[in-house]
């Protein structure tokens, strides 16, 4: 497979993922015996009901700055991003220090990035709201990163919320959850999630046509994940 073919398949996976929601994807992970769900991460900005894309990782820490030319944290991730990407930030130092801010938001918006998911505090959230740029984060803050945290790595493996995540993995986030999908597993997860969403759409249509809910959600409903559906 050529690099062009690989990129095309990845872009198609993003489009398929964006047509789903986190509940269907979570059910698919359950069906396949996989992990990756994170709950309790609110959307802080952006009108879009959900975001999805390939991951660009950004890891911050409170240790020494990485060797090399001085760059503001997050700028490398922004410059790597595009419309198919979500930037995922890990800032798990415990310090109240912004891992993302207003100028980074504007830069990512101009690059067309789909959004940011941050395991850590985000600042300048009103600017993100003004730019209509989607940000999901564990917390908000006004405190600068300067003198508190620095960039450790970009596009290296991270563990936001304890979940192993690598560059070019996949993420979907909505009001229900943030879910990470490892790249080698994305096709199987998408296939299962699409089957779940289809079966649930059929059930919803039956309800709208007047079928009693007890008949639609019959005795075998609890076993539906065995066949690719369920909530």
C-alpha atoms as a PDB file:
ATOM      1  CA  UNK A   1       0.000   0.000   0.000  1.00  0.00           C
ATOM      2  CA  UNK A   2       1.341   3.439  -0.947  1.00  0.00           C
ATOM      3  CA  UNK A   3       1.451   6.366   1.465  1.00  0.00           C
ATOM      4  CA  UNK A   4      -1.292   8.043  -0.602  1.00  0.00           C
ATOM      5  CA  UNK A   5      -3.540   4.991  -0.251  1.00  0.00           C
ATOM      6  CA  UNK A   6      -2.855   4.850   3.493  1.00  0.00           C
ATOM      7  CA  UNK A   7      -3.711   8.540   3.941  1.00  0.00           C
ATOM      8  CA  UNK A   8      -6.893   8.138   1.893  1.00  0.00           C
ATOM      9  CA  UNK A   9      -8.015   5.227   4.068  1.00  0.00           C
ATOM     10  CA  UNK A  10      -7.275   7.251   7.200  1.00  0.00           C
ATOM     11  CA  UNK A  11      -9.292  10.200   5.898  1.00  0.00           C
ATOM     12  CA  UNK A  12     -12.206   7.887   5.055  1.00  0.00           C
ATOM     13  CA  UNK A  13     -12.046   6.491   8.590  1.00  0.00           C
ATOM     14  CA  UNK A  14     -12.322  10.027   9.974  1.00  0.00           C
ATOM     15  CA  UNK A  15     -15.396  10.731   7.855  1.00  0.00           C
ATOM     16  CA  UNK A  16     -17.035   7.492   8.993  1.00  0.00           C
ATOM     17  CA  UNK A  17     -16.232   8.277  12.615  1.00  0.00           C
ATOM     18  CA  UNK A  18     -17.779  11.742  12.316  1.00  0.00           C
ATOM     19  CA  UNK A  19     -21.100  10.206  11.278  1.00  0.00           C
ATOM     20  CA  UNK A  20     -21.287   8.264  14.556  1.00  0.00           C
ATOM     21  CA  UNK A  21     -21.670   9.276  18.194  1.00  0.00           C
ATOM     22  CA  UNK A  22     -19.731   8.267  21.289  1.00  0.00           C
ATOM     23  CA  UNK A  23     -22.449   5.930  22.551  1.00  0.00           C
ATOM     24  CA  UNK A  24     -22.362   3.807  19.397  1.00  0.00           C
ATOM     25  CA  UNK A  25     -18.562   3.782  19.441  1.00  0.00           C
ATOM     26  CA  UNK A  26     -18.508   2.868  23.133  1.00  0.00           C
ATOM     27  CA  UNK A  27     -20.866  -0.045  22.452  1.00  0.00           C
ATOM     28  CA  UNK A  28     -18.572  -1.154  19.648  1.00  0.00           C
ATOM     29  CA  UNK A  29     -15.579  -1.144  22.000  1.00  0.00           C
ATOM     30  CA  UNK A  30     -17.590  -3.204  24.504  1.00  0.00           C
ATOM     31  CA  UNK A  31     -18.541  -5.670  21.798  1.00  0.00           C
ATOM     32  CA  UNK A  32     -14.911  -6.056  20.739  1.00  0.00           C
ATOM     33  CA  UNK A  33     -13.540  -6.194  24.278  1.00  0.00           C
ATOM     34  CA  UNK A  34     -11.582  -2.947  23.864  1.00  0.00           C
ATOM     35  CA  UNK A  35     -11.005   0.078  26.100  1.00  0.00           C
ATOM     36  CA  UNK A  36     -10.689   3.776  25.371  1.00  0.00           C
ATOM     37  CA  UNK A  37     -13.756   5.496  26.854  1.00  0.00           C
ATOM     38  CA  UNK A  38     -13.305   8.544  29.100  1.00  0.00           C
ATOM     39  CA  UNK A  39     -16.355  10.141  30.713  1.00  0.00           C
ATOM     40  CA  UNK A  40     -16.875  13.411  32.525  1.00  0.00           C
ATOM     41  CA  UNK A  41     -14.886  15.653  30.152  1.00  0.00           C
ATOM     42  CA  UNK A  42     -17.088  18.649  29.274  1.00  0.00           C
ATOM     43  CA  UNK A  43     -17.053  20.578  26.043  1.00  0.00           C
ATOM     44  CA  UNK A  44     -15.914  24.082  26.921  1.00  0.00           C
ATOM     45  CA  UNK A  45     -16.361  25.813  23.569  1.00  0.00           C
ATOM     46  CA  UNK A  46     -17.514  25.349  19.980  1.00  0.00           C
ATOM     47  CA  UNK A  47     -21.004  24.874  18.590  1.00  0.00           C
ATOM     48  CA  UNK A  48     -20.313  21.530  16.923  1.00  0.00           C
ATOM     49  CA  UNK A  49     -22.039  18.712  18.801  1.00  0.00           C
ATOM     50  CA  UNK A  50     -19.044  16.419  18.330  1.00  0.00           C
ATOM     51  CA  UNK A  51     -15.535  16.320  16.951  1.00  0.00           C
ATOM     52  CA  UNK A  52     -13.527  13.432  15.561  1.00  0.00           C
ATOM     53  CA  UNK A  53     -10.212  12.977  13.837  1.00  0.00           C
ATOM     54  CA  UNK A  54      -6.728  11.582  13.834  1.00  0.00           C
ATOM     55  CA  UNK A  55      -4.711  12.424  16.896  1.00  0.00           C
ATOM     56  CA  UNK A  56      -1.791  14.788  17.177  1.00  0.00           C
ATOM     57  CA  UNK A  57      -0.356  14.382  20.667  1.00  0.00           C
ATOM     58  CA  UNK A  58       1.122  17.054  22.916  1.00  0.00           C
ATOM     59  CA  UNK A  59       2.693  16.129  26.258  1.00  0.00           C
ATOM     60  CA  UNK A  60       3.549  18.726  28.898  1.00  0.00           C
ATOM     61  CA  UNK A  61       5.448  18.257  32.132  1.00  0.00           C
ATOM     62  CA  UNK A  62       7.047  20.295  34.905  1.00  0.00           C
ATOM     63  CA  UNK A  63      10.552  19.040  34.225  1.00  0.00           C
ATOM     64  CA  UNK A  64      13.337  20.590  32.182  1.00  0.00           C
ATOM     65  CA  UNK A  65      12.629  21.956  28.728  1.00  0.00           C
ATOM     66  CA  UNK A  66      13.475  19.599  25.870  1.00  0.00           C
ATOM     67  CA  UNK A  67      16.744  20.291  24.095  1.00  0.00           C
ATOM     68  CA  UNK A  68      16.701  22.186  20.813  1.00  0.00           C
ATOM     69  CA  UNK A  69      15.497  25.583  19.589  1.00  0.00           C
ATOM     70  CA  UNK A  70      13.203  27.446  21.980  1.00  0.00           C
ATOM     71  CA  UNK A  71       9.576  27.127  20.903  1.00  0.00           C
ATOM     72  CA  UNK A  72       6.394  27.951  22.748  1.00  0.00           C
ATOM     73  CA  UNK A  73       4.590  24.831  23.890  1.00  0.00           C
ATOM     74  CA  UNK A  74       1.975  23.578  21.446  1.00  0.00           C
ATOM     75  CA  UNK A  75       3.244  25.407  18.368  1.00  0.00           C
ATOM     76  CA  UNK A  76       4.657  22.260  16.775  1.00  0.00           C
ATOM     77  CA  UNK A  77       1.323  20.471  17.265  1.00  0.00           C
ATOM     78  CA  UNK A  78      -0.543  23.381  15.700  1.00  0.00           C
ATOM     79  CA  UNK A  79       1.744  23.457  12.674  1.00  0.00           C
ATOM     80  CA  UNK A  80       1.255  19.722  12.146  1.00  0.00           C
ATOM     81  CA  UNK A  81      -2.537  19.983  12.343  1.00  0.00           C
ATOM     82  CA  UNK A  82      -5.163  20.124   9.617  1.00  0.00           C
ATOM     83  CA  UNK A  83      -8.873  19.489   9.060  1.00  0.00           C
ATOM     84  CA  UNK A  84      -8.595  15.753   9.804  1.00  0.00           C
ATOM     85  CA  UNK A  85      -6.809  16.264  13.139  1.00  0.00           C
ATOM     86  CA  UNK A  86      -7.700  16.665  16.792  1.00  0.00           C
ATOM     87  CA  UNK A  87      -4.897  17.814  19.102  1.00  0.00           C
ATOM     88  CA  UNK A  88      -4.832  15.781  22.326  1.00  0.00           C
ATOM     89  CA  UNK A  89      -2.952  17.340  25.249  1.00  0.00           C
ATOM     90  CA  UNK A  90      -1.675  15.635  28.386  1.00  0.00           C
ATOM     91  CA  UNK A  91      -0.916  17.991  31.289  1.00  0.00           C
ATOM     92  CA  UNK A  92      -1.101  15.732  34.340  1.00  0.00           C
ATOM     93  CA  UNK A  93       1.411  17.490  36.565  1.00  0.00           C
ATOM     94  CA  UNK A  94      -1.231  18.524  39.081  1.00  0.00           C
ATOM     95  CA  UNK A  95      -0.210  22.151  38.682  1.00  0.00           C
ATOM     96  CA  UNK A  96      -2.815  24.782  37.906  1.00  0.00           C
ATOM     97  CA  UNK A  97      -1.238  25.865  34.629  1.00  0.00           C
ATOM     98  CA  UNK A  98      -2.775  26.262  31.207  1.00  0.00           C
ATOM     99  CA  UNK A  99      -1.873  23.589  28.685  1.00  0.00           C
ATOM    100  CA  UNK A 100      -3.646  25.438  25.890  1.00  0.00           C
ATOM    101  CA  UNK A 101      -4.531  29.095  25.306  1.00  0.00           C
ATOM    102  CA  UNK A 102      -5.954  31.735  23.039  1.00  0.00           C
ATOM    103  CA  UNK A 103      -3.173  32.170  20.483  1.00  0.00           C
ATOM    104  CA  UNK A 104      -2.821  28.400  20.119  1.00  0.00           C
ATOM    105  CA  UNK A 105      -6.581  28.224  19.567  1.00  0.00           C
ATOM    106  CA  UNK A 106      -6.415  30.859  16.856  1.00  0.00           C
ATOM    107  CA  UNK A 107      -3.470  29.098  15.209  1.00  0.00           C
ATOM    108  CA  UNK A 108      -5.303  25.763  15.237  1.00  0.00           C
ATOM    109  CA  UNK A 109      -8.471  27.418  13.922  1.00  0.00           C
ATOM    110  CA  UNK A 110      -6.534  28.927  11.025  1.00  0.00           C
ATOM    111  CA  UNK A 111      -5.044  25.509  10.253  1.00  0.00           C
ATOM    112  CA  UNK A 112      -8.557  24.081  10.125  1.00  0.00           C
ATOM    113  CA  UNK A 113      -7.992  21.639  13.013  1.00  0.00           C
ATOM    114  CA  UNK A 114     -11.131  19.879  14.209  1.00  0.00           C
ATOM    115  CA  UNK A 115     -10.563  20.700  17.878  1.00  0.00           C
ATOM    116  CA  UNK A 116      -8.603  20.094  21.061  1.00  0.00           C
ATOM    117  CA  UNK A 117      -9.045  17.520  23.818  1.00  0.00           C
ATOM    118  CA  UNK A 118      -7.050  18.301  26.955  1.00  0.00           C
ATOM    119  CA  UNK A 119      -6.364  16.251  30.068  1.00  0.00           C
ATOM    120  CA  UNK A 120      -5.478  19.374  32.014  1.00  0.00           C
ATOM    121  CA  UNK A 121      -6.516  23.002  32.499  1.00  0.00           C
ATOM    122  CA  UNK A 122      -7.174  25.228  29.482  1.00  0.00           C
ATOM    123  CA  UNK A 123      -7.069  29.012  29.591  1.00  0.00           C
ATOM    124  CA  UNK A 124      -8.468  31.825  27.416  1.00  0.00           C
ATOM    125  CA  UNK A 125     -11.633  29.794  26.933  1.00  0.00           C
ATOM    126  CA  UNK A 126     -13.658  32.889  26.060  1.00  0.00           C
ATOM    127  CA  UNK A 127     -11.400  33.367  23.045  1.00  0.00           C
ATOM    128  CA  UNK A 128     -12.061  29.785  21.977  1.00  0.00           C
ATOM    129  CA  UNK A 129     -15.781  30.510  22.248  1.00  0.00           C
ATOM    130  CA  UNK A 130     -15.394  33.675  20.178  1.00  0.00           C
ATOM    131  CA  UNK A 131     -13.545  31.661  17.513  1.00  0.00           C
ATOM    132  CA  UNK A 132     -16.185  28.868  17.702  1.00  0.00           C
ATOM    133  CA  UNK A 133     -13.354  26.390  18.168  1.00  0.00           C
ATOM    134  CA  UNK A 134     -14.170  23.106  19.953  1.00  0.00           C
ATOM    135  CA  UNK A 135     -12.266  22.478  23.175  1.00  0.00           C
ATOM    136  CA  UNK A 136     -12.885  19.622  25.617  1.00  0.00           C
ATOM    137  CA  UNK A 137     -10.929  19.781  28.864  1.00  0.00           C
ATOM    138  CA  UNK A 138     -10.874  18.618  32.455  1.00  0.00           C
ATOM    139  CA  UNK A 139     -10.568  22.135  33.850  1.00  0.00           C
ATOM    140  CA  UNK A 140     -10.268  25.847  33.118  1.00  0.00           C
ATOM    141  CA  UNK A 141      -7.691  28.269  34.474  1.00  0.00           C
ATOM    142  CA  UNK A 142      -6.257  31.747  34.041  1.00  0.00           C
ATOM    143  CA  UNK A 143      -2.743  30.695  35.062  1.00  0.00           C
ATOM    144  CA  UNK A 144      -0.045  30.782  32.421  1.00  0.00           C
ATOM    145  CA  UNK A 145       2.202  27.840  31.650  1.00  0.00           C
ATOM    146  CA  UNK A 146       5.241  30.121  31.883  1.00  0.00           C
ATOM    147  CA  UNK A 147       7.452  29.058  34.733  1.00  0.00           C
ATOM    148  CA  UNK A 148       5.150  26.147  35.573  1.00  0.00           C
ATOM    149  CA  UNK A 149       5.055  23.574  32.751  1.00  0.00           C
ATOM    150  CA  UNK A 150       6.871  23.051  29.459  1.00  0.00           C
ATOM    151  CA  UNK A 151       6.438  20.910  26.378  1.00  0.00           C
ATOM    152  CA  UNK A 152       7.905  17.444  26.781  1.00  0.00           C
ATOM    153  CA  UNK A 153       7.090  16.031  23.342  1.00  0.00           C
ATOM    154  CA  UNK A 154       4.877  16.296  20.270  1.00  0.00           C
ATOM    155  CA  UNK A 155       3.495  13.236  18.481  1.00  0.00           C
ATOM    156  CA  UNK A 156       4.992  10.877  21.035  1.00  0.00           C
ATOM    157  CA  UNK A 157       2.851   8.373  23.006  1.00  0.00           C
ATOM    158  CA  UNK A 158       0.817   9.881  25.848  1.00  0.00           C
ATOM    159  CA  UNK A 159      -1.635   8.588  28.452  1.00  0.00           C
ATOM    160  CA  UNK A 160      -4.463  11.128  28.862  1.00  0.00           C
ATOM    161  CA  UNK A 161      -6.830   9.957  31.597  1.00  0.00           C
ATOM    162  CA  UNK A 162      -4.651   6.839  31.802  1.00  0.00           C
ATOM    163  CA  UNK A 163      -5.488   5.735  28.236  1.00  0.00           C
ATOM    164  CA  UNK A 164      -2.537   4.899  25.946  1.00  0.00           C
ATOM    165  CA  UNK A 165      -2.738   7.187  22.891  1.00  0.00           C
ATOM    166  CA  UNK A 166      -0.306   7.471  19.989  1.00  0.00           C
ATOM    167  CA  UNK A 167      -0.012   9.877  17.091  1.00  0.00           C
ATOM    168  CA  UNK A 168      -2.452   8.996  14.287  1.00  0.00           C
ATOM    169  CA  UNK A 169      -4.767   7.102  16.605  1.00  0.00           C
ATOM    170  CA  UNK A 170      -8.369   8.265  16.435  1.00  0.00           C
ATOM    171  CA  UNK A 171     -10.539  10.233  18.858  1.00  0.00           C
ATOM    172  CA  UNK A 172     -14.199  11.168  18.989  1.00  0.00           C
ATOM    173  CA  UNK A 173     -15.686  13.510  21.589  1.00  0.00           C
ATOM    174  CA  UNK A 174     -19.223  14.651  22.317  1.00  0.00           C
ATOM    175  CA  UNK A 175     -21.417  15.440  25.308  1.00  0.00           C
ATOM    176  CA  UNK A 176     -21.346  11.794  26.411  1.00  0.00           C
ATOM    177  CA  UNK A 177     -17.639  10.978  26.374  1.00  0.00           C
ATOM    178  CA  UNK A 178     -14.209  11.215  24.843  1.00  0.00           C
ATOM    179  CA  UNK A 179     -13.204   7.956  23.164  1.00  0.00           C
ATOM    180  CA  UNK A 180      -9.801   6.950  21.822  1.00  0.00           C
ATOM    181  CA  UNK A 181      -9.380   4.237  19.185  1.00  0.00           C
ATOM    182  CA  UNK A 182      -6.001   2.745  18.347  1.00  0.00           C
ATOM    183  CA  UNK A 183      -5.231   3.046  14.645  1.00  0.00           C
ATOM    184  CA  UNK A 184      -4.907  -0.721  13.970  1.00  0.00           C
ATOM    185  CA  UNK A 185      -8.364  -1.271  15.491  1.00  0.00           C
ATOM    186  CA  UNK A 186     -10.271   1.538  13.801  1.00  0.00           C
ATOM    187  CA  UNK A 187     -11.765  -0.481  10.931  1.00  0.00           C
ATOM    188  CA  UNK A 188     -13.182  -3.142  13.250  1.00  0.00           C
ATOM    189  CA  UNK A 189     -14.548  -0.490  15.618  1.00  0.00           C
ATOM    190  CA  UNK A 190     -16.145   1.469  12.786  1.00  0.00           C
ATOM    191  CA  UNK A 191     -17.762  -1.626  11.310  1.00  0.00           C
ATOM    192  CA  UNK A 192     -19.224  -2.601  14.679  1.00  0.00           C
ATOM    193  CA  UNK A 193     -20.361   0.932  15.530  1.00  0.00           C
ATOM    194  CA  UNK A 194     -22.050   1.408  12.160  1.00  0.00           C
ATOM    195  CA  UNK A 195     -23.949  -1.864  12.630  1.00  0.00           C
ATOM    196  CA  UNK A 196     -25.048  -0.730  16.088  1.00  0.00           C
ATOM    197  CA  UNK A 197     -26.174   2.670  14.818  1.00  0.00           C
ATOM    198  CA  UNK A 198     -28.124   1.042  11.969  1.00  0.00           C
ATOM    199  CA  UNK A 199     -29.982  -1.364  14.234  1.00  0.00           C
ATOM    200  CA  UNK A 200     -30.837   1.400  16.668  1.00  0.00           C
ATOM    201  CA  UNK A 201     -32.117   3.549  13.798  1.00  0.00           C
ATOM    202  CA  UNK A 202     -34.407   0.679  12.774  1.00  0.00           C
ATOM    203  CA  UNK A 203     -35.675   0.437  16.356  1.00  0.00           C
ATOM    204  CA  UNK A 204     -36.316   4.185  16.503  1.00  0.00           C
ATOM    205  CA  UNK A 205     -38.254   3.987  13.223  1.00  0.00           C
ATOM    206  CA  UNK A 206     -40.372   1.185  14.668  1.00  0.00           C
ATOM    207  CA  UNK A 207     -41.173   3.290  17.729  1.00  0.00           C
ATOM    208  CA  UNK A 208     -42.159   6.247  15.549  1.00  0.00           C
ATOM    209  CA  UNK A 209     -44.453   3.989  13.516  1.00  0.00           C
ATOM    210  CA  UNK A 210     -46.348   3.010  16.649  1.00  0.00           C
ATOM    211  CA  UNK A 211     -44.733  -0.244  17.734  1.00  0.00           C
ATOM    212  CA  UNK A 212     -44.875  -0.514  21.553  1.00  0.00           C
ATOM    213  CA  UNK A 213     -41.530   0.068  23.215  1.00  0.00           C
ATOM    214  CA  UNK A 214     -41.836  -3.249  25.037  1.00  0.00           C
ATOM    215  CA  UNK A 215     -41.883  -4.975  21.650  1.00  0.00           C
ATOM    216  CA  UNK A 216     -39.063  -2.898  20.206  1.00  0.00           C
ATOM    217  CA  UNK A 217     -36.873  -3.417  23.281  1.00  0.00           C
ATOM    218  CA  UNK A 218     -37.796  -7.073  23.653  1.00  0.00           C
ATOM    219  CA  UNK A 219     -36.318  -9.776  25.830  1.00  0.00           C
ATOM    220  CA  UNK A 220     -33.245 -10.261  23.660  1.00  0.00           C
ATOM    221  CA  UNK A 221     -32.296  -6.563  23.770  1.00  0.00           C
ATOM    222  CA  UNK A 222     -29.798  -7.111  26.577  1.00  0.00           C
ATOM    223  CA  UNK A 223     -27.915  -9.548  24.342  1.00  0.00           C
ATOM    224  CA  UNK A 224     -27.878  -7.301  21.300  1.00  0.00           C
ATOM    225  CA  UNK A 225     -24.201  -6.465  21.608  1.00  0.00           C
ATOM    226  CA  UNK A 226     -23.531 -10.076  20.688  1.00  0.00           C
ATOM    227  CA  UNK A 227     -25.044  -9.238  17.330  1.00  0.00           C
ATOM    228  CA  UNK A 228     -23.685  -5.720  16.977  1.00  0.00           C
ATOM    229  CA  UNK A 229     -26.176  -3.392  18.640  1.00  0.00           C
ATOM    230  CA  UNK A 230     -27.279  -2.046  21.979  1.00  0.00           C
ATOM    231  CA  UNK A 231     -27.162   0.917  24.322  1.00  0.00           C
END
